[in-house]
Amino acid sequence: MPKITFLAHESVCPDGAELDVDSGITILDAALLNGIELEHACEKSCSCTTCHVIIRDGFDSLEEATELEEDMLDKAWGLDAESRLSCQAIVADEDLVVEIPKYTLNIVSENH
């Protein structure tokens, strides 16, 4: 059973977290099921960047991002070579270390 380690994030996960998860779950669903409230404004449809995370360890175990995900990631704040949308990144069988960026761009809420 793979483990996801979330690095500490000031508001979303202040103490960090280590989660044992089943392979085949998205990083976002694993977080939500364990009380880590990652933002996901588009309801997991790969239409925004609010669930953007950076995979600090285990990136190569994930399937490659789709072209749609890559297009969305180009709009993310703090984009990194190992950035993924957590709603699209499916846990394989390796452990992951995940960083939640300090900021997120929520175009829906910022246009009001």
C-alpha atoms as a PDB file:
ATOM      1  CA  MET A   1       0.000   0.000   0.000  1.00  0.00           C
ATOM      2  CA  PRO A   2       1.600   3.280  -1.081  1.00  0.00           C
ATOM      3  CA  LYS A   3       1.951   6.244   1.251  1.00  0.00           C
ATOM      4  CA  ILE A   4       1.397   9.910   0.446  1.00  0.00           C
ATOM      5  CA  THR A   5       3.296  12.366   2.599  1.00  0.00           C
ATOM      6  CA  PHE A   6       1.851  15.869   2.451  1.00  0.00           C
ATOM      7  CA  LEU A   7       4.383  18.501   3.455  1.00  0.00           C
ATOM      8  CA  ALA A   8       3.156  21.102   5.931  1.00  0.00           C
ATOM      9  CA  HIS A   9       1.076  23.912   4.427  1.00  0.00           C
ATOM     10  CA  GLU A  10       0.151  26.914   6.553  1.00  0.00           C
ATOM     11  CA  SER A  11      -3.625  26.707   6.135  1.00  0.00           C
ATOM     12  CA  VAL A  12      -4.523  23.454   4.378  1.00  0.00           C
ATOM     13  CA  CYS A  13      -2.366  20.996   6.331  1.00  0.00           C
ATOM     14  CA  PRO A  14      -0.387  22.840   9.040  1.00  0.00           C
ATOM     15  CA  ASP A  15       1.262  19.738  10.518  1.00  0.00           C
ATOM     16  CA  GLY A  16       1.713  17.822   7.285  1.00  0.00           C
ATOM     17  CA  ALA A  17       0.306  14.311   6.990  1.00  0.00           C
ATOM     18  CA  GLU A  18       1.218  10.756   6.084  1.00  0.00           C
ATOM     19  CA  LEU A  19      -1.564   8.738   4.475  1.00  0.00           C
ATOM     20  CA  ASP A  20      -1.678   5.074   3.564  1.00  0.00           C
ATOM     21  CA  VAL A  21      -3.738   4.911   0.378  1.00  0.00           C
ATOM     22  CA  ASP A  22      -4.840   2.386  -2.205  1.00  0.00           C
ATOM     23  CA  SER A  23      -3.263   2.429  -5.634  1.00  0.00           C
ATOM     24  CA  GLY A  24      -5.639   3.835  -8.229  1.00  0.00           C
ATOM     25  CA  ILE A  25      -6.934   6.761  -6.163  1.00  0.00           C
ATOM     26  CA  THR A  26      -6.214  10.333  -7.182  1.00  0.00           C
ATOM     27  CA  ILE A  27      -4.073  12.459  -4.906  1.00  0.00           C
ATOM     28  CA  LEU A  28      -7.034  14.828  -4.483  1.00  0.00           C
ATOM     29  CA  ASP A  29      -9.452  12.078  -3.438  1.00  0.00           C
ATOM     30  CA  ALA A  30      -6.894  10.653  -1.011  1.00  0.00           C
ATOM     31  CA  ALA A  31      -6.477  14.094   0.558  1.00  0.00           C
ATOM     32  CA  LEU A  32     -10.209  14.763   0.812  1.00  0.00           C
ATOM     33  CA  LEU A  33     -10.937  11.337   2.315  1.00  0.00           C
ATOM     34  CA  ASN A  34      -8.390  12.124   5.022  1.00  0.00           C
ATOM     35  CA  GLY A  35      -9.602  15.601   5.953  1.00  0.00           C
ATOM     36  CA  ILE A  36      -7.107  17.588   3.872  1.00  0.00           C
ATOM     37  CA  GLU A  37      -9.321  20.139   2.165  1.00  0.00           C
ATOM     38  CA  LEU A  38      -7.475  20.805  -1.085  1.00  0.00           C
ATOM     39  CA  GLU A  39      -9.368  23.313  -3.160  1.00  0.00           C
ATOM     40  CA  HIS A  40     -10.997  21.900  -6.297  1.00  0.00           C
ATOM     41  CA  ALA A  41     -13.179  24.581  -7.839  1.00  0.00           C
ATOM     42  CA  CYS A  42     -14.034  22.641 -11.015  1.00  0.00           C
ATOM     43  CA  GLU A  43     -15.164  19.546  -9.083  1.00  0.00           C
ATOM     44  CA  LYS A  44     -12.317  17.371 -10.432  1.00  0.00           C
ATOM     45  CA  SER A  45     -13.016  17.966 -14.129  1.00  0.00           C
ATOM     46  CA  CYS A  46      -9.530  19.217 -15.106  1.00  0.00           C
ATOM     47  CA  SER A  47     -10.908  22.696 -15.832  1.00  0.00           C
ATOM     48  CA  CYS A  48      -8.944  24.802 -13.351  1.00  0.00           C
ATOM     49  CA  THR A  49      -5.693  24.819 -11.386  1.00  0.00           C
ATOM     50  CA  THR A  50      -6.944  25.083  -7.809  1.00  0.00           C
ATOM     51  CA  CYS A  51      -5.844  21.537  -6.932  1.00  0.00           C
ATOM     52  CA  HIS A  52      -2.299  22.070  -8.250  1.00  0.00           C
ATOM     53  CA  VAL A  53       0.371  20.233  -6.252  1.00  0.00           C
ATOM     54  CA  ILE A  54       4.092  19.623  -6.674  1.00  0.00           C
ATOM     55  CA  ILE A  55       5.329  16.045  -6.421  1.00  0.00           C
ATOM     56  CA  ARG A  56       8.609  16.268  -4.520  1.00  0.00           C
ATOM     57  CA  ASP A  57       9.264  12.503  -4.541  1.00  0.00           C
ATOM     58  CA  GLY A  58       7.733   9.729  -6.627  1.00  0.00           C
ATOM     59  CA  PHE A  59       6.852  11.861  -9.661  1.00  0.00           C
ATOM     60  CA  ASP A  60       8.079   9.254 -12.143  1.00  0.00           C
ATOM     61  CA  SER A  61       5.661   6.653 -10.746  1.00  0.00           C
ATOM     62  CA  LEU A  62       2.677   8.670 -11.979  1.00  0.00           C
ATOM     63  CA  GLU A  63       1.254   8.291 -15.459  1.00  0.00           C
ATOM     64  CA  GLU A  64       2.140  11.182 -17.743  1.00  0.00           C
ATOM     65  CA  ALA A  65      -0.178  14.171 -17.682  1.00  0.00           C
ATOM     66  CA  THR A  66      -2.634  14.480 -20.541  1.00  0.00           C
ATOM     67  CA  GLU A  67      -2.422  17.377 -22.967  1.00  0.00           C
ATOM     68  CA  LEU A  68      -5.481  18.933 -21.297  1.00  0.00           C
ATOM     69  CA  GLU A  69      -3.838  18.726 -17.870  1.00  0.00           C
ATOM     70  CA  GLU A  70      -0.613  20.227 -19.262  1.00  0.00           C
ATOM     71  CA  ASP A  71      -2.609  23.100 -20.770  1.00  0.00           C
ATOM     72  CA  MET A  72      -4.269  23.789 -17.424  1.00  0.00           C
ATOM     73  CA  LEU A  73      -0.979  23.542 -15.524  1.00  0.00           C
ATOM     74  CA  ASP A  74       0.467  26.297 -17.737  1.00  0.00           C
ATOM     75  CA  LYS A  75      -1.939  28.638 -15.884  1.00  0.00           C
ATOM     76  CA  ALA A  76      -0.976  27.501 -12.364  1.00  0.00           C
ATOM     77  CA  TRP A  77       0.767  29.742  -9.855  1.00  0.00           C
ATOM     78  CA  GLY A  78       4.231  28.475  -8.919  1.00  0.00           C
ATOM     79  CA  LEU A  79       4.449  25.938 -11.741  1.00  0.00           C
ATOM     80  CA  ASP A  80       7.298  23.453 -11.310  1.00  0.00           C
ATOM     81  CA  ALA A  81       8.668  20.704 -13.551  1.00  0.00           C
ATOM     82  CA  GLU A  82       7.020  18.214 -11.178  1.00  0.00           C
ATOM     83  CA  SER A  83       3.636  19.949 -10.946  1.00  0.00           C
ATOM     84  CA  ARG A  84       0.412  18.002 -11.361  1.00  0.00           C
ATOM     85  CA  LEU A  85      -3.283  18.605 -10.883  1.00  0.00           C
ATOM     86  CA  SER A  86      -4.128  16.421  -7.912  1.00  0.00           C
ATOM     87  CA  CYS A  87      -7.521  15.564  -9.425  1.00  0.00           C
ATOM     88  CA  GLN A  88      -5.744  13.937 -12.375  1.00  0.00           C
ATOM     89  CA  ALA A  89      -2.682  12.356 -10.727  1.00  0.00           C
ATOM     90  CA  ILE A  90      -3.452   8.721  -9.904  1.00  0.00           C
ATOM     91  CA  VAL A  91      -1.375   7.024  -7.224  1.00  0.00           C
ATOM     92  CA  ALA A  92       0.489   3.985  -8.544  1.00  0.00           C
ATOM     93  CA  ASP A  93       2.420   1.681  -6.214  1.00  0.00           C
ATOM     94  CA  GLU A  94       5.216   4.012  -5.071  1.00  0.00           C
ATOM     95  CA  ASP A  95       5.221   6.414  -2.143  1.00  0.00           C
ATOM     96  CA  LEU A  96       4.755  10.104  -2.932  1.00  0.00           C
ATOM     97  CA  VAL A  97       5.839  13.311  -1.232  1.00  0.00           C
ATOM     98  CA  VAL A  98       3.465  16.145  -2.113  1.00  0.00           C
ATOM     99  CA  GLU A  99       3.843  19.888  -1.618  1.00  0.00           C
ATOM    100  CA  ILE A 100       0.757  22.089  -1.690  1.00  0.00           C
ATOM    101  CA  PRO A 101       1.749  25.446  -3.207  1.00  0.00           C
ATOM    102  CA  LYS A 102       1.419  28.521  -1.034  1.00  0.00           C
ATOM    103  CA  TYR A 103      -1.052  30.138  -3.417  1.00  0.00           C
ATOM    104  CA  THR A 104      -3.657  28.972  -5.891  1.00  0.00           C
ATOM    105  CA  LEU A 105      -5.442  30.760  -8.697  1.00  0.00           C
ATOM    106  CA  ASN A 106      -9.210  30.468  -8.462  1.00  0.00           C
ATOM    107  CA  ILE A 107     -10.461  32.364 -11.484  1.00  0.00           C
ATOM    108  CA  VAL A 108     -14.094  31.779 -10.484  1.00  0.00           C
ATOM    109  CA  SER A 109     -13.770  33.502  -7.098  1.00  0.00           C
ATOM    110  CA  GLU A 110     -11.346  36.156  -8.356  1.00  0.00           C
ATOM    111  CA  ASN A 111     -13.792  37.405 -11.005  1.00  0.00           C
ATOM    112  CA  HIS A 112     -16.410  38.450  -8.459  1.00  0.00           C
END
